[in-house]
């Protein structure tokens, strides 16, 4: 079963529903179970205008209930004098979501029918989502989650998410405790396809926020970030930077990565990196870089493949823009040999992804779907290059080549004007040339690390 399968509304068909009236009896596969909502069964004294339904409080806070059930001003209610049988006839012609919505907006109707509409709603997961979706449209600070099937407060979620990424003690623990079902599923199986801190819940909130407020920087900055000084198999150094933009109602996610190996003949393993669920980028020990697509049929898998051998005498080589035929992913690769003799190379990968308008969007679902498709992804005729949503590279290459790893990308110059290349001194041609190999200890010293205790992040 695909961990993101219940992102589609078909997941909530009524013939597959479980009884949600008793939360303690839910199976582990039910999205509500990880939330541990047992304490909500305790009855809480509420004002008369708030529905006395434990089930309803499961999906929205008390303050939200009071807000949506409180009239703007005192108004006479003429429905309160109608017989209860009349309300039963009305309820018989309405789905549970519409009946509950009517009860929440009319005090007379609510007083007459009591908890009846909400009890019917508790047995229908799809109707619960429909009700929350209709309520959410009038509450800018609330966002409905189709996986948890409840309302999330955007301000609270954003604060704990931001603090959790920054490692702020109790806030970090609170962020993990508040993770919704969508975030947990992404962490389990799909984290490597986006950056490790990406939150689908914050993504949905960002798209909801963009409909109400023109200023989107707070959410977009929360979804952006850097991942620095990480290594793979003790030989590769990886750095990455992510940025987000909202263009034509869709979230465009850009990831800039660089993989650096300082010594060419010490590559113990090749690299294989997934750019989406259907496209892989590989790099062999001999400097051969290739791309491979899959997801339609075995005959079509190699149609978009590209292969490039590193030219050690060339400043850098860039592959053609790669467009996945199964989703909206676009990818660009640049290979740059390091200037030192017998040295390694840097592999730059820039990936742009159109994730759509939320986690129910087909673009989001296609990006993560690893199975085969019956048809290709149809790009809109008026679509523009995803890279146009970003002004520039945000100074990523400058930070890599001129600041963090300048000793690898620029040959140092000695006081007498001779060029130093690692342990090599360029001497006149009449003299023998001595070539040395940079050890891993020397690499750490270049960046100010003690070789006896290298940074843990290098080996993560």
Protein backbone atom coordinates (compact mmCIF):
# COMPACT_ATOMS: atom_id res chain seq x y z
CA UNK A 1 0.00 0.00 0.00
CA UNK A 2 1.31 3.40 -0.96
CA UNK A 3 1.91 5.44 2.26
CA UNK A 4 0.37 8.47 0.58
CA UNK A 5 -2.59 6.63 -0.90
CA UNK A 6 -5.22 8.24 1.28
CA UNK A 7 -4.31 11.60 -0.20
CA UNK A 8 -7.04 10.88 -2.74
CA UNK A 9 -10.64 11.47 -1.74
CA UNK A 10 -11.53 8.02 -3.09
CA UNK A 11 -9.85 6.71 0.05
CA UNK A 12 -12.85 7.95 2.03
CA UNK A 13 -15.61 6.00 0.29
CA UNK A 14 -18.36 5.12 2.71
CA UNK A 15 -18.19 1.38 2.22
CA UNK A 16 -14.66 1.42 3.69
CA UNK A 17 -15.42 3.53 6.76
CA UNK A 18 -14.80 2.52 10.35
CA UNK A 19 -16.92 3.56 13.30
CA UNK A 20 -15.25 6.65 14.77
CA UNK A 21 -17.59 6.96 17.73
CA UNK A 22 -15.18 5.01 19.94
CA UNK A 23 -11.65 6.22 19.25
CA UNK A 24 -10.04 3.62 21.50
CA UNK A 25 -11.17 0.82 19.18
CA UNK A 26 -9.62 2.21 16.00
CA UNK A 27 -7.09 0.08 14.13
CA UNK A 28 -3.52 1.29 13.70
CA UNK A 29 -4.15 1.89 9.98
CA UNK A 30 -6.73 4.56 10.77
CA UNK A 31 -5.16 8.04 10.48
CA UNK A 32 -6.79 9.12 13.76
CA UNK A 33 -5.07 6.49 15.87
CA UNK A 34 -1.55 8.04 16.07
CA UNK A 35 -3.05 11.24 17.48
CA UNK A 36 -3.89 9.49 20.79
CA UNK A 37 -7.16 11.30 21.28
CA UNK A 38 -8.35 9.23 24.27
CA UNK A 39 -8.62 12.18 26.72
CA UNK A 40 -11.18 13.81 24.41
CA UNK A 41 -13.77 11.29 25.58
CA UNK A 42 -13.97 13.13 28.89
CA UNK A 43 -17.03 15.38 28.98
CA UNK A 44 -16.22 19.07 29.32
CA UNK A 45 -18.70 21.65 30.54
CA UNK A 46 -19.42 24.04 27.69
CA UNK A 47 -21.66 27.07 27.23
CA UNK A 48 -25.11 26.21 25.91
CA UNK A 49 -24.35 27.53 22.45
CA UNK A 50 -21.55 24.98 21.91
CA UNK A 51 -22.74 21.53 20.72
CA UNK A 52 -22.41 18.94 23.48
CA UNK A 53 -20.67 16.47 21.19
CA UNK A 54 -17.39 14.86 22.18
CA UNK A 55 -16.92 13.74 18.58
CA UNK A 56 -17.05 17.29 17.24
CA UNK A 57 -14.45 18.51 19.74
CA UNK A 58 -12.13 15.83 18.39
CA UNK A 59 -11.73 17.70 15.13
CA UNK A 60 -11.69 21.35 16.18
CA UNK A 61 -10.75 23.35 19.25
CA UNK A 62 -13.25 24.79 21.75
CA UNK A 63 -12.47 28.35 20.64
CA UNK A 64 -13.19 27.42 17.02
CA UNK A 65 -16.51 25.87 17.99
CA UNK A 66 -17.54 28.95 19.95
CA UNK A 67 -16.61 31.20 17.04
CA UNK A 68 -18.57 29.38 14.37
CA UNK A 69 -21.66 28.84 16.57
CA UNK A 70 -21.85 32.34 18.03
CA UNK A 71 -24.10 34.81 16.15
CA UNK A 72 -22.77 38.24 15.31
CA UNK A 73 -25.56 39.83 17.34
CA UNK A 74 -28.65 38.72 19.25
CA UNK A 75 -31.23 37.53 16.74
CA UNK A 76 -34.66 35.98 17.32
CA UNK A 77 -34.89 32.31 16.36
CA UNK A 78 -38.18 31.31 14.77
CA UNK A 79 -37.18 27.69 14.11
CA UNK A 80 -37.12 26.82 17.81
CA UNK A 81 -40.92 26.63 17.88
CA UNK A 82 -41.16 24.05 15.10
CA UNK A 83 -41.93 20.42 16.09
CA UNK A 84 -39.01 18.01 16.20
CA UNK A 85 -40.63 15.82 13.54
CA UNK A 86 -40.17 18.64 11.04
CA UNK A 87 -36.45 18.71 11.73
CA UNK A 88 -36.29 14.92 11.35
CA UNK A 89 -37.80 15.24 7.86
CA UNK A 90 -35.20 17.87 6.95
CA UNK A 91 -32.37 15.70 8.29
CA UNK A 92 -33.60 12.76 6.25
CA UNK A 93 -32.94 14.67 3.03
CA UNK A 94 -29.49 16.03 3.98
CA UNK A 95 -26.10 14.30 4.12
CA UNK A 96 -24.46 14.33 7.58
CA UNK A 97 -22.05 17.12 6.60
CA UNK A 98 -24.86 19.45 5.49
CA UNK A 99 -27.03 18.61 8.50
CA UNK A 100 -24.15 19.31 10.90
CA UNK A 101 -23.31 22.55 9.10
CA UNK A 102 -26.92 23.69 9.39
CA UNK A 103 -26.97 22.81 13.09
CA UNK A 104 -23.81 24.87 13.68
CA UNK A 105 -25.22 27.94 11.94
CA UNK A 106 -28.74 27.95 13.44
CA UNK A 107 -29.23 27.90 17.22
CA UNK A 108 -32.87 26.90 16.92
CA UNK A 109 -32.05 23.94 14.72
CA UNK A 110 -29.22 22.92 17.06
CA UNK A 111 -31.43 23.10 20.15
CA UNK A 112 -34.10 20.97 18.46
CA UNK A 113 -31.96 18.18 16.97
CA UNK A 114 -29.27 17.94 19.68
CA UNK A 115 -26.32 15.68 18.86
CA UNK A 116 -28.10 13.63 16.19
CA UNK A 117 -26.30 15.08 13.13
CA UNK A 118 -22.89 14.78 14.79
CA UNK A 119 -23.43 11.16 15.78
CA UNK A 120 -24.22 10.33 12.15
CA UNK A 121 -21.13 12.29 11.11
CA UNK A 122 -18.92 10.24 13.45
CA UNK A 123 -19.60 7.13 11.37
CA UNK A 124 -18.71 8.70 8.02
CA UNK A 125 -15.12 9.79 7.47
CA UNK A 126 -15.72 11.33 4.07
CA UNK A 127 -18.63 13.48 5.33
CA UNK A 128 -16.44 14.62 8.23
CA UNK A 129 -13.84 15.89 5.80
CA UNK A 130 -16.51 17.68 3.73
CA UNK A 131 -17.80 19.47 6.84
CA UNK A 132 -14.31 20.52 7.96
CA UNK A 133 -13.47 21.70 4.45
CA UNK A 134 -16.57 23.93 4.35
CA UNK A 135 -15.79 25.35 7.81
CA UNK A 136 -12.12 25.96 6.98
CA UNK A 137 -12.92 28.32 4.09
CA UNK A 138 -14.17 30.97 6.55
CA UNK A 139 -11.34 30.50 9.08
CA UNK A 140 -8.05 31.88 7.69
CA UNK A 141 -6.08 30.67 10.74
CA UNK A 142 -7.31 27.06 10.43
CA UNK A 143 -6.29 24.44 7.88
CA UNK A 144 -8.06 21.12 7.32
CA UNK A 145 -5.90 18.00 7.08
CA UNK A 146 -7.40 15.21 4.98
CA UNK A 147 -5.13 12.62 6.59
CA UNK A 148 -5.76 13.50 10.24
CA UNK A 149 -9.30 14.59 9.31
CA UNK A 150 -9.19 17.53 11.66
CA UNK A 151 -8.43 21.27 11.72
CA UNK A 152 -4.88 22.45 12.43
CA UNK A 153 -4.10 25.93 13.76
CA UNK A 154 -1.65 27.49 11.31
CA UNK A 155 0.07 29.86 13.74
CA UNK A 156 0.76 27.15 16.32
CA UNK A 157 1.88 24.59 13.74
CA UNK A 158 4.19 27.06 12.00
CA UNK A 159 5.81 28.19 15.26
CA UNK A 160 6.59 24.68 16.49
CA UNK A 161 7.67 23.55 13.03
CA UNK A 162 10.12 26.45 12.70
CA UNK A 163 11.49 25.99 16.22
CA UNK A 164 11.72 22.24 15.70
CA UNK A 165 13.89 22.70 12.61
CA UNK A 166 16.17 25.03 14.56
CA UNK A 167 16.49 22.49 17.38
CA UNK A 168 14.97 24.66 20.10
CA UNK A 169 14.70 22.22 23.05
CA UNK A 170 11.13 21.82 24.20
CA UNK A 171 9.78 23.30 20.98
CA UNK A 172 11.57 20.56 19.04
CA UNK A 173 9.93 17.88 21.20
CA UNK A 174 6.60 19.63 20.86
CA UNK A 175 7.04 19.78 17.07
CA UNK A 176 7.56 16.00 16.94
CA UNK A 177 4.55 15.42 19.18
CA UNK A 178 2.33 17.62 17.00
CA UNK A 179 3.30 15.97 13.72
CA UNK A 180 0.26 15.01 11.73
CA UNK A 181 -0.25 11.83 9.76
CA UNK A 182 0.93 13.43 6.52
CA UNK A 183 4.30 14.42 8.02
CA UNK A 184 4.83 10.99 9.56
CA UNK A 185 4.17 9.20 6.29
CA UNK A 186 6.59 11.44 4.42
CA UNK A 187 9.29 10.74 7.03
CA UNK A 188 8.81 6.99 6.72
CA UNK A 189 9.14 6.47 2.98
CA UNK A 190 9.53 9.67 0.98
CA UNK A 191 11.83 12.01 2.86
CA UNK A 192 14.70 11.52 0.40
CA UNK A 193 12.60 12.83 -2.49
CA UNK A 194 12.36 16.29 -0.88
CA UNK A 195 14.51 17.87 1.79
CA UNK A 196 14.43 16.03 5.11
CA UNK A 197 12.56 18.78 6.97
CA UNK A 198 9.79 19.36 4.44
CA UNK A 199 6.33 19.27 6.02
CA UNK A 200 3.24 18.44 3.90
CA UNK A 201 1.08 20.01 6.58
CA UNK A 202 2.95 23.33 6.35
CA UNK A 203 2.73 23.03 2.55
CA UNK A 204 -1.08 22.84 2.74
CA UNK A 205 -1.11 25.75 5.18
CA UNK A 206 1.08 27.84 2.88
CA UNK A 207 -1.33 27.36 0.00
CA UNK A 208 -4.31 28.19 2.23
CA UNK A 209 -2.49 31.27 3.57
CA UNK A 210 -1.75 32.51 0.04
CA UNK A 211 -5.49 32.71 -0.70
CA UNK A 212 -6.13 35.12 2.19
CA UNK A 213 -2.93 37.17 2.53
CA UNK A 214 -0.56 38.58 -0.10
CA UNK A 215 2.52 38.20 2.14
CA UNK A 216 3.69 34.59 1.86
CA UNK A 217 7.28 34.95 3.02
CA UNK A 218 6.75 33.49 6.48
CA UNK A 219 5.52 30.14 5.18
CA UNK A 220 7.87 30.02 2.20
CA UNK A 221 10.87 30.73 4.42
CA UNK A 222 9.75 27.95 6.76
CA UNK A 223 9.72 25.46 3.87
CA UNK A 224 13.16 26.62 2.67
CA UNK A 225 16.50 25.89 4.26
CA UNK A 226 20.00 24.45 4.00
CA UNK A 227 21.55 21.08 4.70
CA UNK A 228 25.32 21.38 5.02
CA UNK A 229 28.46 19.28 5.53
CA UNK A 230 26.95 15.85 5.13
CA UNK A 231 28.86 12.93 3.69
CA UNK A 232 27.98 9.68 1.98
CA UNK A 233 30.12 6.56 2.41
CA UNK A 234 32.96 8.67 3.90
CA UNK A 235 34.10 9.93 0.49
CA UNK A 236 31.43 12.31 -0.79
CA UNK A 237 30.55 15.66 0.74
CA UNK A 238 27.02 16.88 0.15
CA UNK A 239 25.54 20.34 0.54
CA UNK A 240 22.05 21.43 -0.43
CA UNK A 241 19.79 24.46 -0.36
CA UNK A 242 16.02 24.57 -0.88
CA UNK A 243 13.78 27.47 -1.88
CA UNK A 244 10.04 27.74 -2.53
CA UNK A 245 7.86 30.06 -4.58
CA UNK A 246 4.14 30.18 -5.32
CA UNK A 247 3.40 30.61 -9.02
CA UNK A 248 -0.10 30.49 -10.54
CA UNK A 249 -1.54 28.80 -7.48
CA UNK A 250 1.15 26.09 -7.32
CA UNK A 251 4.13 25.65 -5.01
CA UNK A 252 7.40 25.47 -6.95
CA UNK A 253 10.08 23.70 -4.90
CA UNK A 254 13.73 24.10 -5.92
CA UNK A 255 16.58 22.04 -4.51
CA UNK A 256 20.20 22.89 -5.30
CA UNK A 257 22.67 20.14 -4.44
CA UNK A 258 26.37 19.62 -4.83
CA UNK A 259 28.26 16.38 -4.33
CA UNK A 260 32.01 16.78 -3.95
CA UNK A 261 34.67 14.10 -3.89
CA UNK A 262 38.14 15.58 -3.29
CA UNK A 263 40.14 12.59 -4.55
CA UNK A 264 39.32 10.87 -7.82
CA UNK A 265 40.97 7.50 -7.15
CA UNK A 266 39.43 7.16 -3.69
CA UNK A 267 35.77 6.97 -4.70
CA UNK A 268 34.80 3.74 -2.92
CA UNK A 269 31.20 3.84 -4.10
CA UNK A 270 29.19 5.28 -6.94
CA UNK A 271 26.26 7.62 -6.31
CA UNK A 272 22.62 6.99 -7.13
CA UNK A 273 20.19 9.81 -6.36
CA UNK A 274 16.44 9.90 -6.92
CA UNK A 275 15.18 13.23 -8.23
CA UNK A 276 11.58 12.05 -8.19
CA UNK A 277 9.90 8.67 -7.96
CA UNK A 278 10.71 8.07 -11.65
CA UNK A 279 14.12 9.66 -12.34
CA UNK A 280 17.55 8.66 -11.07
CA UNK A 281 20.91 10.34 -11.43
CA UNK A 282 23.99 8.17 -11.07
CA UNK A 283 27.71 8.84 -10.96
CA UNK A 284 30.29 6.06 -11.38
CA UNK A 285 33.81 6.02 -9.98
CA UNK A 286 35.30 6.81 -13.38
CA UNK A 287 33.36 10.09 -13.64
CA UNK A 288 30.56 8.76 -15.84
CA UNK A 289 27.28 10.53 -15.05
CA UNK A 290 23.96 9.17 -16.30
CA UNK A 291 20.23 9.78 -15.90
CA UNK A 292 17.54 7.14 -16.17
CA UNK A 293 13.74 7.38 -16.14
CA UNK A 294 11.20 4.71 -15.39
CA UNK A 295 7.50 4.49 -14.62
CA UNK A 296 5.65 3.95 -17.92
CA UNK A 297 6.78 0.73 -19.58
CA UNK A 298 10.05 -1.14 -19.81
CA UNK A 299 10.41 -0.13 -23.46
CA UNK A 300 10.06 3.58 -22.66
CA UNK A 301 12.27 3.66 -19.57
CA UNK A 302 15.49 4.37 -21.47
CA UNK A 303 14.10 6.91 -23.95
CA UNK A 304 15.00 9.93 -21.83
CA UNK A 305 18.32 8.57 -20.57
CA UNK A 306 21.41 10.74 -20.88
CA UNK A 307 25.03 9.81 -20.31
CA UNK A 308 28.05 12.07 -19.89
CA UNK A 309 31.69 11.31 -19.18
CA UNK A 310 33.61 13.85 -17.15
CA UNK A 311 36.13 15.80 -19.23
CA UNK A 312 38.92 16.49 -16.77
CA UNK A 313 40.39 19.15 -19.07
CA UNK A 314 37.12 21.10 -19.36
CA UNK A 315 36.08 23.75 -16.81
CA UNK A 316 32.60 22.21 -16.53
CA UNK A 317 30.02 20.32 -18.56
CA UNK A 318 26.23 20.67 -18.31
CA UNK A 319 23.62 18.15 -19.44
CA UNK A 320 20.46 19.16 -21.25
CA UNK A 321 17.48 20.03 -19.05
CA UNK A 322 15.83 16.77 -18.03
CA UNK A 323 12.02 16.71 -17.84
CA UNK A 324 10.30 13.74 -16.27
CA UNK A 325 7.45 12.36 -18.41
CA UNK A 326 5.59 11.02 -15.36
CA UNK A 327 5.47 14.14 -13.19
CA UNK A 328 6.42 17.84 -13.27
CA UNK A 329 10.06 17.39 -12.20
CA UNK A 330 12.75 19.26 -14.13
CA UNK A 331 16.43 18.64 -13.47
CA UNK A 332 19.76 20.14 -14.58
CA UNK A 333 23.20 18.58 -14.02
CA UNK A 334 26.60 20.24 -14.15
CA UNK A 335 29.89 18.38 -13.69
CA UNK A 336 32.96 20.37 -12.68
CA UNK A 337 36.41 18.81 -12.22
CA UNK A 338 38.43 20.19 -9.32
CA UNK A 339 41.52 22.15 -10.46
CA UNK A 340 44.10 20.03 -8.61
CA UNK A 341 45.83 17.21 -10.48
CA UNK A 342 44.56 13.70 -9.73
CA UNK A 343 41.71 15.36 -7.89
CA UNK A 344 38.01 14.62 -7.85
CA UNK A 345 35.02 16.55 -9.06
CA UNK A 346 31.89 18.41 -8.03
CA UNK A 347 28.49 17.37 -9.31
CA UNK A 348 25.85 20.12 -9.19
CA UNK A 349 22.20 19.10 -9.42
CA UNK A 350 19.35 21.60 -9.55
CA UNK A 351 15.84 20.20 -9.32
CA UNK A 352 12.57 22.08 -9.81
CA UNK A 353 9.25 20.47 -8.89
CA UNK A 354 5.71 21.79 -9.30
CA UNK A 355 3.93 20.31 -6.26
CA UNK A 356 0.55 21.78 -7.15
CA UNK A 357 -1.95 23.45 -4.84
CA UNK A 358 -1.80 20.93 -1.98
CA UNK A 359 -1.43 17.28 -1.07
CA UNK A 360 -4.69 16.40 -2.84
CA UNK A 361 -3.36 17.79 -6.12
CA UNK A 362 -2.49 15.31 -8.87
CA UNK A 363 0.95 16.92 -9.27
CA UNK A 364 1.83 16.10 -5.64
CA UNK A 365 0.51 12.55 -5.97
CA UNK A 366 2.39 11.89 -9.21
CA UNK A 367 5.69 13.12 -7.78
CA UNK A 368 5.65 10.38 -5.11
CA UNK A 369 3.91 7.58 -6.99
CA UNK A 370 6.47 4.84 -7.69
CA UNK A 371 4.19 2.57 -9.71
CA UNK A 372 3.79 2.62 -13.45
CA UNK A 373 1.42 5.06 -15.14
CA UNK A 374 -1.02 4.37 -17.93
CA UNK A 375 -0.44 7.81 -19.43
CA UNK A 376 2.23 10.50 -19.44
CA UNK A 377 2.16 13.71 -17.45
CA UNK A 378 0.45 16.34 -19.60
CA UNK A 379 2.26 19.65 -19.32
CA UNK A 380 0.04 22.68 -19.82
CA UNK A 381 0.47 24.40 -23.16
CA UNK A 382 0.97 27.81 -21.53
CA UNK A 383 3.33 26.53 -18.85
CA UNK A 384 6.63 28.29 -18.32
CA UNK A 385 9.98 26.94 -17.26
CA UNK A 386 9.93 26.27 -13.52
CA UNK A 387 13.31 27.94 -13.16
CA UNK A 388 11.72 31.27 -14.12
CA UNK A 389 10.00 31.36 -10.71
CA UNK A 390 13.41 32.05 -9.13
CA UNK A 391 15.50 35.14 -9.74
CA UNK A 392 18.91 33.42 -9.52
CA UNK A 393 20.67 30.61 -7.70
CA UNK A 394 20.59 32.52 -4.41
CA UNK A 395 24.38 32.58 -4.20
CA UNK A 396 24.60 28.81 -3.75
CA UNK A 397 27.62 28.18 -5.96
CA UNK A 398 29.40 31.22 -4.57
CA UNK A 399 29.02 29.87 -1.03
CA UNK A 400 30.33 26.47 -2.10
CA UNK A 401 33.25 27.46 -4.31
CA UNK A 402 34.41 30.76 -2.79
CA UNK A 403 33.62 30.32 0.90
CA UNK A 404 33.13 26.85 2.32
CA UNK A 405 35.38 24.82 -0.02
CA UNK A 406 37.59 27.47 -1.58
CA UNK A 407 40.71 25.34 -1.00
CA UNK A 408 39.28 22.63 -3.27
CA UNK A 409 38.03 24.87 -6.08
CA UNK A 410 40.89 27.39 -6.21
CA UNK A 411 44.57 26.54 -6.42
CA UNK A 412 46.50 28.43 -3.70
CA UNK A 413 49.41 30.65 -4.74
CA UNK A 414 52.71 30.69 -2.83
CA UNK A 415 54.60 33.84 -1.91
CA UNK A 416 57.07 33.38 -4.79
CA UNK A 417 54.23 33.22 -7.29
CA UNK A 418 54.30 29.45 -7.75
CA UNK A 419 50.94 27.70 -7.81
CA UNK A 420 50.40 25.13 -5.09
CA UNK A 421 48.11 22.21 -5.81
CA UNK A 422 47.61 20.26 -2.64
CA UNK A 423 51.08 18.89 -1.79
CA UNK A 424 52.31 19.61 -5.32
CA UNK A 425 54.55 22.54 -6.25
CA UNK A 426 54.67 23.47 -9.93
CA UNK A 427 58.33 23.59 -10.82
CA UNK A 428 60.11 24.30 -14.11
CA UNK A 429 59.77 21.57 -16.72
CA UNK A 430 63.45 20.67 -16.44
CA UNK A 431 62.91 19.53 -12.86
CA UNK A 432 60.97 16.42 -11.83
CA UNK A 433 57.46 16.99 -10.62
CA UNK A 434 56.42 15.46 -7.33
CA UNK A 435 52.73 14.68 -7.04
CA UNK A 436 51.18 13.93 -3.68
CA UNK A 437 47.70 12.82 -2.76
CA UNK A 438 45.58 14.82 -0.36
CA UNK A 439 44.56 12.65 2.56
CA UNK A 440 41.24 12.88 4.33
CA UNK A 441 43.03 14.37 7.36
CA UNK A 442 44.36 17.15 5.13
CA UNK A 443 40.84 17.79 3.84
CA UNK A 444 39.60 18.30 7.39
CA UNK A 445 42.50 20.65 8.17
CA UNK A 446 41.62 22.78 5.11
CA UNK A 447 38.23 23.45 6.70
CA UNK A 448 39.48 24.00 10.25
CA UNK A 449 38.57 20.57 11.64
CA UNK A 450 40.74 18.49 13.96
CA UNK A 451 41.59 15.24 12.18
CA UNK A 452 41.48 13.33 15.48
CA UNK A 453 37.80 14.22 15.89
CA UNK A 454 36.27 14.90 12.47
CA UNK A 455 32.80 16.45 12.37
CA UNK A 456 30.05 13.92 12.94
CA UNK A 457 28.04 15.33 10.05
CA UNK A 458 30.72 14.15 7.61
CA UNK A 459 29.92 10.54 8.49
CA UNK A 460 26.17 10.83 8.76
